[in-house]
Amino acid sequence: MECLSTRSKDHCTCTYTACDKHGNCCQCVLYHRGKGEIPGCFFTKAGERSYDRSVAAFCKDQDS
């Protein structure tokens, strides 16, 4: 699949700005999917700041 998005930090809600994938959604999703995780932008603001990208953390975050 070709990534049609251009690198843009304007839309990226992840607070881990030191990440080399910051602002590049395609690379971020690919990275987290490969680790069985969910990208930070799917979490609430508070949930994202925990830096726990596990599925369990995501489910807990969505229940709160």
PDB file of N, CA and C in Angstrom:
ATOM      1  N   MET A   1       0.848  -1.179   0.000  1.00  0.00           N
ATOM      2  CA  MET A   1       0.000   0.000   0.000  1.00  0.00           C
ATOM      3  C   MET A   1       0.891   1.237   0.000  1.00  0.00           C
ATOM      4  N   GLU A   2       0.541   2.175  -0.810  1.00  0.00           N
ATOM      5  CA  GLU A   2       1.278   3.433  -0.892  1.00  0.00           C
ATOM      6  C   GLU A   2       0.696   4.437   0.093  1.00  0.00           C
ATOM      7  N   CYS A   3       1.556   5.101   0.819  1.00  0.00           N
ATOM      8  CA  CYS A   3       1.120   6.125   1.756  1.00  0.00           C
ATOM      9  C   CYS A   3       0.869   7.416   0.980  1.00  0.00           C
ATOM     10  N   LEU A   4      -0.334   7.914   1.060  1.00  0.00           N
ATOM     11  CA  LEU A   4      -0.695   9.119   0.330  1.00  0.00           C
ATOM     12  C   LEU A   4      -0.523  10.377   1.174  1.00  0.00           C
ATOM     13  N   SER A   5      -0.261  10.189   2.447  1.00  0.00           N
ATOM     14  CA  SER A   5      -0.090  11.317   3.361  1.00  0.00           C
ATOM     15  C   SER A   5       1.321  11.879   3.256  1.00  0.00           C
ATOM     16  N   THR A   6       1.441  13.160   3.433  1.00  0.00           N
ATOM     17  CA  THR A   6       2.767  13.765   3.506  1.00  0.00           C
ATOM     18  C   THR A   6       3.106  13.967   4.976  1.00  0.00           C
ATOM     19  N   ARG A   7       4.356  14.040   5.267  1.00  0.00           N
ATOM     20  CA  ARG A   7       4.792  14.207   6.656  1.00  0.00           C
ATOM     21  C   ARG A   7       4.346  15.584   7.159  1.00  0.00           C
ATOM     22  N   SER A   8       3.545  15.597   8.202  1.00  0.00           N
ATOM     23  CA  SER A   8       3.052  16.849   8.756  1.00  0.00           C
ATOM     24  C   SER A   8       2.869  16.713  10.251  1.00  0.00           C
ATOM     25  N   LYS A   9       3.620  17.471  11.005  1.00  0.00           N
ATOM     26  CA  LYS A   9       3.507  17.426  12.457  1.00  0.00           C
ATOM     27  C   LYS A   9       2.325  18.250  12.954  1.00  0.00           C
ATOM     28  N   ASP A  10       1.686  19.005  12.071  1.00  0.00           N
ATOM     29  CA  ASP A  10       0.555  19.840  12.466  1.00  0.00           C
ATOM     30  C   ASP A  10      -0.630  19.019  12.953  1.00  0.00           C
ATOM     31  N   HIS A  11      -0.839  17.844  12.379  1.00  0.00           N
ATOM     32  CA  HIS A  11      -2.000  17.032  12.728  1.00  0.00           C
ATOM     33  C   HIS A  11      -1.688  15.952  13.756  1.00  0.00           C
ATOM     34  N   CYS A  12      -0.429  15.738  14.078  1.00  0.00           N
ATOM     35  CA  CYS A  12      -0.013  14.654  14.966  1.00  0.00           C
ATOM     36  C   CYS A  12      -0.257  15.040  16.422  1.00  0.00           C
ATOM     37  N   THR A  13      -1.060  14.245  17.129  1.00  0.00           N
ATOM     38  CA  THR A  13      -1.390  14.536  18.522  1.00  0.00           C
ATOM     39  C   THR A  13      -0.496  13.802  19.515  1.00  0.00           C
ATOM     40  N   CYS A  14       0.441  13.017  19.026  1.00  0.00           N
ATOM     41  CA  CYS A  14       1.347  12.279  19.901  1.00  0.00           C
ATOM     42  C   CYS A  14       2.304  13.253  20.584  1.00  0.00           C
ATOM     43  N   THR A  15       2.443  13.119  21.898  1.00  0.00           N
ATOM     44  CA  THR A  15       3.314  14.021  22.637  1.00  0.00           C
ATOM     45  C   THR A  15       4.768  13.543  22.667  1.00  0.00           C
ATOM     46  N   TYR A  16       5.043  12.363  22.108  1.00  0.00           N
ATOM     47  CA  TYR A  16       6.412  11.853  22.058  1.00  0.00           C
ATOM     48  C   TYR A  16       7.070  12.383  20.788  1.00  0.00           C
ATOM     49  N   THR A  17       7.487  13.630  20.851  1.00  0.00           N
ATOM     50  CA  THR A  17       8.006  14.319  19.665  1.00  0.00           C
ATOM     51  C   THR A  17       9.399  13.872  19.250  1.00  0.00           C
ATOM     52  N   ALA A  18      10.104  13.143  20.107  1.00  0.00           N
ATOM     53  CA  ALA A  18      11.438  12.648  19.754  1.00  0.00           C
ATOM     54  C   ALA A  18      11.371  11.447  18.803  1.00  0.00           C
ATOM     55  N   CYS A  19      10.196  10.914  18.587  1.00  0.00           N
ATOM     56  CA  CYS A  19      10.018   9.745  17.724  1.00  0.00           C
ATOM     57  C   CYS A  19      10.289  10.120  16.266  1.00  0.00           C
ATOM     58  N   ASP A  20      11.036   9.282  15.567  1.00  0.00           N
ATOM     59  CA  ASP A  20      11.335   9.557  14.157  1.00  0.00           C
ATOM     60  C   ASP A  20      10.119   9.384  13.250  1.00  0.00           C
ATOM     61  N   LYS A  21       9.042   8.813  13.784  1.00  0.00           N
ATOM     62  CA  LYS A  21       7.808   8.632  13.016  1.00  0.00           C
ATOM     63  C   LYS A  21       6.782   9.727  13.314  1.00  0.00           C
ATOM     64  N   HIS A  22       7.116  10.648  14.193  1.00  0.00           N
ATOM     65  CA  HIS A  22       6.196  11.726  14.577  1.00  0.00           C
ATOM     66  C   HIS A  22       5.767  12.515  13.342  1.00  0.00           C
ATOM     67  N   GLY A  23       4.466  12.593  13.117  1.00  0.00           N
ATOM     68  CA  GLY A  23       3.929  13.325  11.974  1.00  0.00           C
ATOM     69  C   GLY A  23       3.818  12.491  10.716  1.00  0.00           C
ATOM     70  N   ASN A  24       4.244  11.241  10.746  1.00  0.00           N
ATOM     71  CA  ASN A  24       4.164  10.360   9.581  1.00  0.00           C
ATOM     72  C   ASN A  24       3.243   9.195   9.940  1.00  0.00           C
ATOM     73  N   CYS A  25       1.961   9.370   9.698  1.00  0.00           N
ATOM     74  CA  CYS A  25       0.940   8.411  10.120  1.00  0.00           C
ATOM     75  C   CYS A  25       1.191   7.002   9.591  1.00  0.00           C
ATOM     76  N   CYS A  26       1.537   6.891   8.343  1.00  0.00           N
ATOM     77  CA  CYS A  26       1.737   5.558   7.750  1.00  0.00           C
ATOM     78  C   CYS A  26       2.836   4.792   8.479  1.00  0.00           C
ATOM     79  N   GLN A  27       3.953   5.446   8.744  1.00  0.00           N
ATOM     80  CA  GLN A  27       5.053   4.784   9.438  1.00  0.00           C
ATOM     81  C   GLN A  27       4.695   4.492  10.896  1.00  0.00           C
ATOM     82  N   CYS A  28       3.970   5.385  11.522  1.00  0.00           N
ATOM     83  CA  CYS A  28       3.558   5.204  12.910  1.00  0.00           C
ATOM     84  C   CYS A  28       2.625   3.999  13.047  1.00  0.00           C
ATOM     85  N   VAL A  29       1.612   3.934  12.210  1.00  0.00           N
ATOM     86  CA  VAL A  29       0.662   2.824  12.261  1.00  0.00           C
ATOM     87  C   VAL A  29       1.377   1.504  11.974  1.00  0.00           C
ATOM     88  N   LEU A  30       2.232   1.488  10.982  1.00  0.00           N
ATOM     89  CA  LEU A  30       2.985   0.290  10.637  1.00  0.00           C
ATOM     90  C   LEU A  30       3.847  -0.173  11.820  1.00  0.00           C
ATOM     91  N   TYR A  31       4.509   0.749  12.465  1.00  0.00           N
ATOM     92  CA  TYR A  31       5.360   0.444  13.615  1.00  0.00           C
ATOM     93  C   TYR A  31       4.544  -0.152  14.759  1.00  0.00           C
ATOM     94  N   HIS A  32       3.488   0.527  15.172  1.00  0.00           N
ATOM     95  CA  HIS A  32       2.692   0.052  16.302  1.00  0.00           C
ATOM     96  C   HIS A  32       1.938  -1.235  15.975  1.00  0.00           C
ATOM     97  N   ARG A  33       1.454  -1.364  14.767  1.00  0.00           N
ATOM     98  CA  ARG A  33       0.769  -2.599  14.366  1.00  0.00           C
ATOM     99  C   ARG A  33       1.722  -3.788  14.465  1.00  0.00           C
ATOM    100  N   GLY A  34       2.953  -3.594  14.050  1.00  0.00           N
ATOM    101  CA  GLY A  34       3.958  -4.648  14.118  1.00  0.00           C
ATOM    102  C   GLY A  34       4.277  -5.086  15.535  1.00  0.00           C
ATOM    103  N   LYS A  35       4.023  -4.213  16.502  1.00  0.00           N
ATOM    104  CA  LYS A  35       4.280  -4.527  17.907  1.00  0.00           C
ATOM    105  C   LYS A  35       3.003  -4.933  18.648  1.00  0.00           C
ATOM    106  N   GLY A  36       1.878  -5.022  17.918  1.00  0.00           N
ATOM    107  CA  GLY A  36       0.609  -5.367  18.556  1.00  0.00           C
ATOM    108  C   GLY A  36       0.064  -4.235  19.399  1.00  0.00           C
ATOM    109  N   GLU A  37       0.393  -3.011  19.019  1.00  0.00           N
ATOM    110  CA  GLU A  37      -0.016  -1.831  19.776  1.00  0.00           C
ATOM    111  C   GLU A  37      -0.951  -0.942  18.952  1.00  0.00           C
ATOM    112  N   ILE A  38      -1.406   0.112  19.589  1.00  0.00           N
ATOM    113  CA  ILE A  38      -2.275   1.096  18.954  1.00  0.00           C
ATOM    114  C   ILE A  38      -1.579   2.456  19.025  1.00  0.00           C
ATOM    115  N   PRO A  39      -1.538   3.206  17.928  1.00  0.00           N
ATOM    116  CA  PRO A  39      -0.887   4.524  17.942  1.00  0.00           C
ATOM    117  C   PRO A  39      -1.539   5.476  18.946  1.00  0.00           C
ATOM    118  N   GLY A  40      -0.746   6.387  19.459  1.00  0.00           N
ATOM    119  CA  GLY A  40      -1.203   7.329  20.472  1.00  0.00           C
ATOM    120  C   GLY A  40      -2.375   8.191  20.061  1.00  0.00           C
ATOM    121  N   CYS A  41      -2.505   8.474  18.768  1.00  0.00           N
ATOM    122  CA  CYS A  41      -3.584   9.365  18.317  1.00  0.00           C
ATOM    123  C   CYS A  41      -4.974   8.749  18.488  1.00  0.00           C
ATOM    124  N   PHE A  42      -5.054   7.449  18.754  1.00  0.00           N
ATOM    125  CA  PHE A  42      -6.346   6.802  18.987  1.00  0.00           C
ATOM    126  C   PHE A  42      -6.813   6.979  20.427  1.00  0.00           C
ATOM    127  N   PHE A  43      -5.908   7.348  21.313  1.00  0.00           N
ATOM    128  CA  PHE A  43      -6.207   7.486  22.734  1.00  0.00           C
ATOM    129  C   PHE A  43      -6.761   8.882  23.040  1.00  0.00           C
ATOM    130  N   THR A  44      -7.376   8.995  24.224  1.00  0.00           N
ATOM    131  CA  THR A  44      -7.748  10.318  24.713  1.00  0.00           C
ATOM    132  C   THR A  44      -6.450  11.061  25.024  1.00  0.00           C
ATOM    133  N   LYS A  45      -6.550  12.336  25.285  1.00  0.00           N
ATOM    134  CA  LYS A  45      -5.356  13.122  25.592  1.00  0.00           C
ATOM    135  C   LYS A  45      -4.638  12.558  26.827  1.00  0.00           C
ATOM    136  N   ALA A  46      -5.400  12.233  27.867  1.00  0.00           N
ATOM    137  CA  ALA A  46      -4.810  11.683  29.092  1.00  0.00           C
ATOM    138  C   ALA A  46      -4.232  10.291  28.839  1.00  0.00           C
ATOM    139  N   GLY A  47      -4.934   9.478  28.096  1.00  0.00           N
ATOM    140  CA  GLY A  47      -4.467   8.125  27.792  1.00  0.00           C
ATOM    141  C   GLY A  47      -3.200   8.129  26.960  1.00  0.00           C
ATOM    142  N   GLU A  48      -3.106   9.057  26.038  1.00  0.00           N
ATOM    143  CA  GLU A  48      -1.924   9.151  25.173  1.00  0.00           C
ATOM    144  C   GLU A  48      -0.689   9.481  25.994  1.00  0.00           C
ATOM    145  N   ARG A  49      -0.842  10.314  26.985  1.00  0.00           N
ATOM    146  CA  ARG A  49       0.306  10.745  27.791  1.00  0.00           C
ATOM    147  C   ARG A  49       0.876   9.647  28.677  1.00  0.00           C
ATOM    148  N   SER A  50       0.175   8.528  28.799  1.00  0.00           N
ATOM    149  CA  SER A  50       0.702   7.408  29.593  1.00  0.00           C
ATOM    150  C   SER A  50       1.810   6.683  28.826  1.00  0.00           C
ATOM    151  N   TYR A  51       1.876   6.878  27.522  1.00  0.00           N
ATOM    152  CA  TYR A  51       2.824   6.208  26.618  1.00  0.00           C
ATOM    153  C   TYR A  51       2.650   4.691  26.591  1.00  0.00           C
ATOM    154  N   ASP A  52       1.580   4.185  27.198  1.00  0.00           N
ATOM    155  CA  ASP A  52       1.268   2.755  27.136  1.00  0.00           C
ATOM    156  C   ASP A  52       0.367   2.550  25.925  1.00  0.00           C
ATOM    157  N   ARG A  53       0.911   1.954  24.873  1.00  0.00           N
ATOM    158  CA  ARG A  53       0.174   1.794  23.616  1.00  0.00           C
ATOM    159  C   ARG A  53      -0.456   0.411  23.472  1.00  0.00           C
ATOM    160  N   SER A  54      -0.551  -0.319  24.566  1.00  0.00           N
ATOM    161  CA  SER A  54      -1.118  -1.663  24.508  1.00  0.00           C
ATOM    162  C   SER A  54      -2.626  -1.616  24.242  1.00  0.00           C
ATOM    163  N   VAL A  55      -3.134  -2.719  23.739  1.00  0.00           N
ATOM    164  CA  VAL A  55      -4.581  -2.833  23.485  1.00  0.00           C
ATOM    165  C   VAL A  55      -5.342  -2.725  24.804  1.00  0.00           C
ATOM    166  N   ALA A  56      -4.800  -3.340  25.855  1.00  0.00           N
ATOM    167  CA  ALA A  56      -5.464  -3.272  27.173  1.00  0.00           C
ATOM    168  C   ALA A  56      -5.552  -1.823  27.665  1.00  0.00           C
ATOM    169  N   ALA A  57      -4.476  -1.055  27.489  1.00  0.00           N
ATOM    170  CA  ALA A  57      -4.490   0.354  27.900  1.00  0.00           C
ATOM    171  C   ALA A  57      -5.502   1.139  27.083  1.00  0.00           C
ATOM    172  N   PHE A  58      -5.603   0.816  25.789  1.00  0.00           N
ATOM    173  CA  PHE A  58      -6.553   1.507  24.932  1.00  0.00           C
ATOM    174  C   PHE A  58      -7.986   1.225  25.393  1.00  0.00           C
ATOM    175  N   CYS A  59      -8.287  -0.039  25.688  1.00  0.00           N
ATOM    176  CA  CYS A  59      -9.633  -0.396  26.140  1.00  0.00           C
ATOM    177  C   CYS A  59      -9.965   0.298  27.453  1.00  0.00           C
ATOM    178  N   LYS A  60      -9.013   0.328  28.382  1.00  0.00           N
ATOM    179  CA  LYS A  60      -9.212   1.008  29.654  1.00  0.00           C
ATOM    180  C   LYS A  60      -9.431   2.507  29.435  1.00  0.00           C
ATOM    181  N   ASP A  61      -8.657   3.083  28.536  1.00  0.00           N
ATOM    182  CA  ASP A  61      -8.761   4.502  28.228  1.00  0.00           C
ATOM    183  C   ASP A  61     -10.141   4.833  27.652  1.00  0.00           C
ATOM    184  N   GLN A  62     -10.674   3.977  26.840  1.00  0.00           N
ATOM    185  CA  GLN A  62     -11.974   4.220  26.205  1.00  0.00           C
ATOM    186  C   GLN A  62     -13.124   4.039  27.185  1.00  0.00           C
ATOM    187  N   ASP A  63     -12.921   3.233  28.219  1.00  0.00           N
ATOM    188  CA  ASP A  63     -13.959   3.015  29.239  1.00  0.00           C
ATOM    189  C   ASP A  63     -14.052   4.160  30.228  1.00  0.00           C
ATOM    190  N   SER A  64     -12.989   4.957  30.311  1.00  0.00           N
ATOM    191  CA  SER A  64     -13.003   6.024  31.328  1.00  0.00           C
ATOM    192  C   SER A  64     -13.674   7.276  30.836  1.00  0.00           C
TER     193      SER A  64
END
